[in-house]
Amino acid sequence: MIFNTTYKNKDATATINDLVGKSYSFLESIKMKGVGSKRMIVDDVSVGFKNILNTVSDINYGNIEIRKKGVLVHITKGHQNFSWAIPFYQMHIYKTNSFSIHAQGNFVRFKNNKLLKENKKFLDRLLDLKIDNEENYDFYNAII
């Protein structure tokens, strides 16, 4: 689900907190060595998200924020901010010629350049958190 987070909206904040959990406190984020990525260049998005990209030839930037039960993908369009809430159980990550996050039938693809390489440690930590979250659910050994 994508939200316009340019201005404070109590309903959107409550829905985001329900989907992906509250944000980490200052001390928790220091212990985790950061919960947000550096900015990356958005290369492509799915058809449902085309309206949140710049229509002129500006560069679209995005970043990822880790929450307790998922992630927020932030995309900037001019002076507007959009946030896509993705719970860990819905998130799929692909690293091919570029880096992409897929969930809920949509995707955001980030350009494979120097900015993406600067976020390698963050993305590795994101994968580890997703794996840790999936260990909470025992899907395959349910029927014995």
N, C-alpha and C. Protein backbone atom coordinates (compact mmCIF):
# COMPACT_ATOMS: atom_id res chain seq x y z
N MET A 1 0.84 -1.16 0.00
CA MET A 1 0.00 0.00 0.00
C MET A 1 0.90 1.23 0.00
N ILE A 2 0.60 2.20 -0.86
CA ILE A 2 1.43 3.39 -0.97
C ILE A 2 0.68 4.59 -0.40
N PHE A 3 1.43 5.44 0.30
CA PHE A 3 0.85 6.60 0.97
C PHE A 3 1.60 7.85 0.56
N ASN A 4 0.86 8.96 0.47
CA ASN A 4 1.49 10.26 0.30
C ASN A 4 1.85 10.76 1.69
N THR A 5 3.14 10.79 1.99
CA THR A 5 3.60 11.17 3.33
C THR A 5 4.27 12.53 3.34
N THR A 6 3.88 13.38 2.39
CA THR A 6 4.44 14.73 2.35
C THR A 6 4.06 15.48 3.62
N TYR A 7 2.81 15.36 4.01
CA TYR A 7 2.32 16.01 5.23
C TYR A 7 1.89 14.95 6.23
N LYS A 8 1.86 15.31 7.49
CA LYS A 8 1.48 14.40 8.56
C LYS A 8 0.01 14.02 8.40
N ASN A 9 -0.26 12.71 8.43
CA ASN A 9 -1.61 12.20 8.32
C ASN A 9 -1.77 11.08 9.35
N LYS A 10 -2.64 11.29 10.32
CA LYS A 10 -2.78 10.32 11.41
C LYS A 10 -3.28 8.97 10.90
N ASP A 11 -4.20 8.97 9.94
CA ASP A 11 -4.74 7.71 9.42
C ASP A 11 -3.65 6.92 8.69
N ALA A 12 -2.86 7.60 7.87
CA ALA A 12 -1.79 6.92 7.14
C ALA A 12 -0.73 6.41 8.10
N THR A 13 -0.39 7.18 9.12
CA THR A 13 0.60 6.75 10.10
C THR A 13 0.13 5.52 10.86
N ALA A 14 -1.15 5.51 11.24
CA ALA A 14 -1.70 4.35 11.95
C ALA A 14 -1.70 3.11 11.06
N THR A 15 -2.05 3.26 9.80
CA THR A 15 -2.06 2.12 8.88
C THR A 15 -0.65 1.60 8.64
N ILE A 16 0.30 2.50 8.47
CA ILE A 16 1.70 2.10 8.27
C ILE A 16 2.21 1.36 9.50
N ASN A 17 1.90 1.87 10.69
CA ASN A 17 2.34 1.21 11.92
C ASN A 17 1.70 -0.17 12.07
N ASP A 18 0.46 -0.34 11.62
CA ASP A 18 -0.18 -1.66 11.67
C ASP A 18 0.48 -2.63 10.70
N LEU A 19 0.84 -2.16 9.51
CA LEU A 19 1.42 -3.04 8.49
C LEU A 19 2.86 -3.43 8.79
N VAL A 20 3.70 -2.46 9.09
CA VAL A 20 5.13 -2.74 9.20
C VAL A 20 5.71 -2.44 10.57
N GLY A 21 4.89 -2.09 11.52
CA GLY A 21 5.38 -1.82 12.87
C GLY A 21 5.85 -0.40 13.03
N LYS A 22 6.07 -0.03 14.28
CA LYS A 22 6.55 1.32 14.58
C LYS A 22 8.02 1.43 14.23
N SER A 23 8.46 2.66 14.07
CA SER A 23 9.87 2.87 13.76
C SER A 23 10.71 2.60 15.01
N TYR A 24 11.97 2.29 14.77
CA TYR A 24 12.87 2.00 15.87
C TYR A 24 13.20 3.29 16.63
N SER A 25 13.46 3.15 17.91
CA SER A 25 13.86 4.31 18.71
C SER A 25 15.29 4.70 18.34
N PHE A 26 15.71 5.83 18.82
CA PHE A 26 17.05 6.34 18.51
C PHE A 26 18.13 5.36 18.97
N LEU A 27 18.00 4.87 20.18
CA LEU A 27 19.00 3.93 20.71
C LEU A 27 18.98 2.60 19.96
N GLU A 28 17.78 2.12 19.63
CA GLU A 28 17.69 0.87 18.86
C GLU A 28 18.32 1.02 17.48
N SER A 29 18.12 2.17 16.85
CA SER A 29 18.70 2.37 15.52
C SER A 29 20.23 2.46 15.59
N ILE A 30 20.76 3.00 16.69
CA ILE A 30 22.21 3.04 16.84
C ILE A 30 22.75 1.63 17.04
N LYS A 31 22.04 0.81 17.84
CA LYS A 31 22.48 -0.57 18.06
C LYS A 31 22.45 -1.38 16.77
N MET A 32 21.49 -1.07 15.89
CA MET A 32 21.38 -1.77 14.62
C MET A 32 22.32 -1.21 13.55
N LYS A 33 23.06 -0.17 13.90
CA LYS A 33 23.96 0.52 12.98
C LYS A 33 23.20 1.14 11.81
N GLY A 34 22.04 1.71 12.13
CA GLY A 34 21.25 2.42 11.14
C GLY A 34 20.07 1.60 10.65
N VAL A 35 18.97 2.27 10.41
CA VAL A 35 17.77 1.59 9.92
C VAL A 35 17.32 2.15 8.57
N GLY A 36 18.09 3.05 7.99
CA GLY A 36 17.73 3.63 6.72
C GLY A 36 18.88 3.54 5.73
N SER A 37 18.53 3.36 4.47
CA SER A 37 19.56 3.30 3.43
C SER A 37 19.89 4.71 2.97
N LYS A 38 20.99 4.81 2.25
CA LYS A 38 21.29 6.06 1.56
C LYS A 38 20.38 6.12 0.34
N ARG A 39 20.31 7.27 -0.28
CA ARG A 39 19.41 7.37 -1.43
C ARG A 39 19.96 6.60 -2.62
N MET A 40 19.03 6.10 -3.42
CA MET A 40 19.38 5.35 -4.61
C MET A 40 18.53 5.88 -5.76
N ILE A 41 18.97 5.66 -6.95
CA ILE A 41 18.25 6.13 -8.13
C ILE A 41 17.21 5.08 -8.52
N VAL A 42 15.95 5.50 -8.64
CA VAL A 42 14.87 4.62 -9.06
C VAL A 42 14.96 4.47 -10.58
N ASP A 43 15.14 3.25 -11.03
CA ASP A 43 15.28 2.96 -12.46
C ASP A 43 13.92 2.74 -13.11
N ASP A 44 13.07 1.97 -12.45
CA ASP A 44 11.76 1.65 -13.02
C ASP A 44 10.81 1.26 -11.89
N VAL A 45 9.53 1.40 -12.15
CA VAL A 45 8.49 0.97 -11.21
C VAL A 45 7.41 0.25 -11.99
N SER A 46 6.55 -0.44 -11.27
CA SER A 46 5.45 -1.14 -11.92
C SER A 46 4.41 -0.14 -12.42
N VAL A 47 3.49 -0.62 -13.22
CA VAL A 47 2.48 0.23 -13.84
C VAL A 47 1.65 0.97 -12.79
N GLY A 48 1.37 0.33 -11.67
CA GLY A 48 0.57 0.96 -10.62
C GLY A 48 1.26 2.13 -9.95
N PHE A 49 2.58 2.22 -10.07
CA PHE A 49 3.33 3.29 -9.42
C PHE A 49 3.85 4.34 -10.40
N LYS A 50 3.49 4.25 -11.67
CA LYS A 50 4.00 5.20 -12.66
C LYS A 50 3.59 6.64 -12.33
N ASN A 51 2.45 6.81 -11.65
CA ASN A 51 1.98 8.17 -11.36
C ASN A 51 2.79 8.84 -10.25
N ILE A 52 3.64 8.13 -9.53
CA ILE A 52 4.44 8.76 -8.48
C ILE A 52 5.85 9.09 -8.95
N LEU A 53 6.15 8.87 -10.21
CA LEU A 53 7.46 9.23 -10.76
C LEU A 53 7.36 10.58 -11.45
N ASN A 54 8.50 11.26 -11.54
CA ASN A 54 8.55 12.53 -12.25
C ASN A 54 8.27 12.29 -13.72
N THR A 55 7.45 13.15 -14.32
CA THR A 55 7.12 12.98 -15.74
C THR A 55 8.16 13.63 -16.64
N VAL A 56 8.89 14.59 -16.10
CA VAL A 56 9.96 15.20 -16.88
C VAL A 56 11.22 14.36 -16.68
N SER A 57 12.30 14.78 -17.24
CA SER A 57 13.51 13.95 -17.21
C SER A 57 14.33 14.14 -15.94
N ASP A 58 13.68 14.39 -14.82
CA ASP A 58 14.39 14.47 -13.56
C ASP A 58 14.76 13.07 -13.08
N ILE A 59 15.75 13.02 -12.22
CA ILE A 59 16.14 11.75 -11.61
C ILE A 59 15.23 11.48 -10.43
N ASN A 60 14.72 10.27 -10.34
CA ASN A 60 13.88 9.87 -9.21
C ASN A 60 14.74 9.16 -8.19
N TYR A 61 14.63 9.61 -6.94
CA TYR A 61 15.41 9.02 -5.87
C TYR A 61 14.49 8.27 -4.92
N GLY A 62 15.05 7.24 -4.30
CA GLY A 62 14.31 6.49 -3.30
C GLY A 62 15.26 5.97 -2.24
N ASN A 63 14.71 5.59 -1.11
CA ASN A 63 15.49 4.94 -0.07
C ASN A 63 14.61 3.97 0.68
N ILE A 64 15.21 3.16 1.53
CA ILE A 64 14.51 2.10 2.24
C ILE A 64 14.70 2.31 3.73
N GLU A 65 13.61 2.17 4.47
CA GLU A 65 13.65 2.27 5.93
C GLU A 65 13.18 0.95 6.53
N ILE A 66 13.96 0.41 7.44
CA ILE A 66 13.61 -0.84 8.10
C ILE A 66 12.69 -0.53 9.28
N ARG A 67 11.59 -1.26 9.35
CA ARG A 67 10.70 -1.18 10.50
C ARG A 67 10.70 -2.53 11.20
N LYS A 68 9.96 -2.67 12.29
CA LYS A 68 10.01 -3.89 13.09
C LYS A 68 9.38 -5.09 12.38
N LYS A 69 8.37 -4.88 11.55
CA LYS A 69 7.70 -5.99 10.86
C LYS A 69 7.77 -5.87 9.35
N GLY A 70 8.61 -4.97 8.83
CA GLY A 70 8.69 -4.81 7.39
C GLY A 70 9.58 -3.64 7.03
N VAL A 71 9.35 -3.10 5.83
CA VAL A 71 10.14 -1.97 5.35
C VAL A 71 9.21 -0.91 4.76
N LEU A 72 9.73 0.29 4.70
CA LEU A 72 9.09 1.39 3.98
C LEU A 72 10.02 1.79 2.85
N VAL A 73 9.50 1.81 1.63
CA VAL A 73 10.26 2.29 0.48
C VAL A 73 9.77 3.71 0.21
N HIS A 74 10.66 4.67 0.38
CA HIS A 74 10.32 6.08 0.19
C HIS A 74 10.76 6.51 -1.20
N ILE A 75 9.87 7.17 -1.93
CA ILE A 75 10.17 7.70 -3.26
C ILE A 75 9.81 9.18 -3.26
N THR A 76 10.70 10.00 -3.81
CA THR A 76 10.49 11.43 -3.85
C THR A 76 10.12 11.85 -5.27
N LYS A 77 9.03 12.62 -5.36
CA LYS A 77 8.59 13.18 -6.65
C LYS A 77 8.50 14.68 -6.47
N GLY A 78 9.52 15.39 -6.93
CA GLY A 78 9.55 16.84 -6.73
C GLY A 78 9.61 17.15 -5.25
N HIS A 79 8.58 17.81 -4.74
CA HIS A 79 8.51 18.14 -3.32
C HIS A 79 7.56 17.21 -2.57
N GLN A 80 7.10 16.17 -3.22
CA GLN A 80 6.19 15.22 -2.57
C GLN A 80 6.94 13.96 -2.19
N ASN A 81 6.53 13.36 -1.08
CA ASN A 81 7.11 12.10 -0.62
C ASN A 81 6.04 11.02 -0.62
N PHE A 82 6.40 9.86 -1.14
CA PHE A 82 5.50 8.71 -1.14
C PHE A 82 6.20 7.56 -0.43
N SER A 83 5.44 6.83 0.36
CA SER A 83 5.99 5.70 1.12
C SER A 83 5.18 4.45 0.80
N TRP A 84 5.89 3.37 0.50
CA TRP A 84 5.27 2.09 0.20
C TRP A 84 5.56 1.16 1.36
N ALA A 85 4.54 0.74 2.07
CA ALA A 85 4.68 -0.13 3.23
C ALA A 85 4.65 -1.58 2.78
N ILE A 86 5.70 -2.34 3.12
CA ILE A 86 5.81 -3.74 2.72
C ILE A 86 6.12 -4.59 3.95
N PRO A 87 5.20 -5.45 4.39
CA PRO A 87 5.54 -6.39 5.46
C PRO A 87 6.57 -7.40 4.96
N PHE A 88 7.39 -7.92 5.88
CA PHE A 88 8.44 -8.86 5.48
C PHE A 88 7.89 -10.08 4.76
N TYR A 89 6.73 -10.58 5.17
CA TYR A 89 6.22 -11.81 4.57
C TYR A 89 5.76 -11.61 3.13
N GLN A 90 5.56 -10.36 2.69
CA GLN A 90 5.16 -10.10 1.31
C GLN A 90 6.33 -9.68 0.42
N MET A 91 7.46 -9.37 1.02
CA MET A 91 8.58 -8.78 0.28
C MET A 91 9.43 -9.85 -0.40
N HIS A 92 9.75 -9.58 -1.65
CA HIS A 92 10.68 -10.41 -2.42
C HIS A 92 11.74 -9.48 -3.01
N ILE A 93 12.99 -9.90 -2.90
CA ILE A 93 14.11 -9.07 -3.36
C ILE A 93 14.84 -9.83 -4.45
N TYR A 94 15.15 -9.11 -5.55
CA TYR A 94 15.87 -9.70 -6.66
C TYR A 94 17.08 -8.84 -6.99
N LYS A 95 18.22 -9.48 -7.17
CA LYS A 95 19.44 -8.79 -7.57
C LYS A 95 19.89 -9.37 -8.89
N THR A 96 19.59 -8.66 -9.96
CA THR A 96 20.04 -9.07 -11.29
C THR A 96 20.95 -7.96 -11.79
N ASN A 97 20.68 -7.41 -12.96
CA ASN A 97 21.46 -6.25 -13.41
C ASN A 97 21.17 -5.03 -12.56
N SER A 98 20.07 -5.07 -11.84
CA SER A 98 19.70 -4.00 -10.92
C SER A 98 19.15 -4.65 -9.65
N PHE A 99 18.74 -3.84 -8.70
CA PHE A 99 18.19 -4.32 -7.43
C PHE A 99 16.72 -3.96 -7.41
N SER A 100 15.84 -4.94 -7.15
CA SER A 100 14.42 -4.63 -7.15
C SER A 100 13.73 -5.28 -5.95
N ILE A 101 12.70 -4.59 -5.48
CA ILE A 101 11.85 -5.07 -4.40
C ILE A 101 10.47 -5.27 -4.98
N HIS A 102 9.92 -6.47 -4.77
CA HIS A 102 8.60 -6.82 -5.27
C HIS A 102 7.69 -7.17 -4.11
N ALA A 103 6.44 -6.73 -4.19
CA ALA A 103 5.43 -7.09 -3.20
C ALA A 103 4.08 -6.59 -3.70
N GLN A 104 3.03 -7.28 -3.32
CA GLN A 104 1.66 -6.85 -3.58
C GLN A 104 1.39 -6.60 -5.06
N GLY A 105 2.08 -7.32 -5.94
CA GLY A 105 1.89 -7.18 -7.37
C GLY A 105 2.59 -5.97 -7.97
N ASN A 106 3.41 -5.28 -7.21
CA ASN A 106 4.14 -4.10 -7.68
C ASN A 106 5.63 -4.29 -7.44
N PHE A 107 6.42 -3.40 -8.03
CA PHE A 107 7.86 -3.45 -7.81
C PHE A 107 8.47 -2.07 -7.95
N VAL A 108 9.64 -1.92 -7.34
CA VAL A 108 10.49 -0.74 -7.52
C VAL A 108 11.87 -1.27 -7.83
N ARG A 109 12.44 -0.82 -8.95
CA ARG A 109 13.77 -1.26 -9.36
C ARG A 109 14.74 -0.09 -9.22
N PHE A 110 15.86 -0.35 -8.54
CA PHE A 110 16.87 0.66 -8.33
C PHE A 110 18.03 0.43 -9.29
N LYS A 111 18.59 1.50 -9.79
CA LYS A 111 19.68 1.44 -10.75
C LYS A 111 20.94 0.88 -10.09
N ASN A 112 21.65 0.03 -10.80
CA ASN A 112 22.89 -0.57 -10.31
C ASN A 112 24.04 0.38 -10.63
N ASN A 113 24.37 1.22 -9.66
CA ASN A 113 25.47 2.16 -9.84
C ASN A 113 26.19 2.34 -8.52
N LYS A 114 26.98 3.40 -8.41
CA LYS A 114 27.78 3.64 -7.20
C LYS A 114 26.89 3.80 -5.97
N LEU A 115 25.73 4.43 -6.11
CA LEU A 115 24.84 4.64 -4.97
C LEU A 115 24.32 3.32 -4.42
N LEU A 116 24.05 2.36 -5.30
CA LEU A 116 23.58 1.05 -4.85
C LEU A 116 24.71 0.29 -4.15
N LYS A 117 25.92 0.42 -4.66
CA LYS A 117 27.06 -0.28 -4.05
C LYS A 117 27.38 0.27 -2.66
N GLU A 118 27.10 1.56 -2.43
CA GLU A 118 27.31 2.14 -1.10
C GLU A 118 26.35 1.54 -0.07
N ASN A 119 25.23 0.99 -0.52
CA ASN A 119 24.21 0.44 0.36
C ASN A 119 24.34 -1.07 0.53
N LYS A 120 25.44 -1.67 0.11
CA LYS A 120 25.56 -3.13 0.15
C LYS A 120 25.41 -3.69 1.56
N LYS A 121 26.05 -3.09 2.56
CA LYS A 121 25.93 -3.58 3.93
C LYS A 121 24.50 -3.47 4.44
N PHE A 122 23.85 -2.36 4.09
CA PHE A 122 22.46 -2.18 4.50
C PHE A 122 21.56 -3.24 3.86
N LEU A 123 21.75 -3.50 2.58
CA LEU A 123 20.91 -4.48 1.88
C LEU A 123 21.17 -5.90 2.40
N ASP A 124 22.41 -6.21 2.77
CA ASP A 124 22.70 -7.50 3.38
C ASP A 124 21.99 -7.65 4.72
N ARG A 125 21.98 -6.58 5.51
CA ARG A 125 21.28 -6.59 6.79
C ARG A 125 19.77 -6.75 6.58
N LEU A 126 19.24 -6.12 5.53
CA LEU A 126 17.82 -6.25 5.20
C LEU A 126 17.47 -7.70 4.87
N LEU A 127 18.32 -8.37 4.11
CA LEU A 127 18.09 -9.78 3.78
C LEU A 127 18.14 -10.65 5.03
N ASP A 128 19.08 -10.36 5.92
CA ASP A 128 19.18 -11.12 7.18
C ASP A 128 17.93 -10.95 8.02
N LEU A 129 17.39 -9.73 8.09
CA LEU A 129 16.17 -9.49 8.86
C LEU A 129 14.98 -10.22 8.25
N LYS A 130 14.92 -10.27 6.92
CA LYS A 130 13.83 -10.99 6.25
C LYS A 130 13.92 -12.48 6.56
N ILE A 131 15.12 -13.03 6.53
CA ILE A 131 15.32 -14.45 6.84
C ILE A 131 14.96 -14.73 8.29
N ASP A 132 15.38 -13.86 9.20
CA ASP A 132 15.03 -14.03 10.62
C ASP A 132 13.53 -13.99 10.83
N ASN A 133 12.84 -13.12 10.10
CA ASN A 133 11.39 -13.02 10.23
C ASN A 133 10.72 -14.28 9.70
N GLU A 134 11.22 -14.85 8.61
CA GLU A 134 10.61 -16.04 8.05
C GLU A 134 10.82 -17.26 8.92
N GLU A 135 11.85 -17.25 9.77
CA GLU A 135 12.07 -18.38 10.68
C GLU A 135 11.01 -18.44 11.77
N ASN A 136 10.29 -17.35 11.97
CA ASN A 136 9.20 -17.34 12.96
C ASN A 136 8.01 -18.17 12.51
N TYR A 137 7.94 -18.45 11.22
CA TYR A 137 6.81 -19.19 10.66
C TYR A 137 7.31 -20.51 10.10
N ASP A 138 6.75 -21.60 10.58
CA ASP A 138 7.17 -22.93 10.16
C ASP A 138 6.18 -23.45 9.13
N PHE A 139 6.36 -23.06 7.85
CA PHE A 139 5.41 -23.39 6.82
C PHE A 139 5.54 -24.84 6.33
N TYR A 140 6.75 -25.33 6.22
CA TYR A 140 6.96 -26.61 5.55
C TYR A 140 6.77 -27.81 6.47
N ASN A 141 6.97 -27.67 7.76
CA ASN A 141 6.83 -28.79 8.66
C ASN A 141 5.50 -28.79 9.40
N ALA A 142 4.50 -28.13 8.82
CA ALA A 142 3.21 -28.01 9.48
C ALA A 142 2.47 -29.35 9.50
N ILE A 143 2.61 -30.12 8.44
CA ILE A 143 1.91 -31.41 8.35
C ILE A 143 2.94 -32.52 8.44
N ILE A 144 2.89 -33.24 9.52
CA ILE A 144 3.85 -34.35 9.69
C ILE A 144 3.11 -35.62 10.01
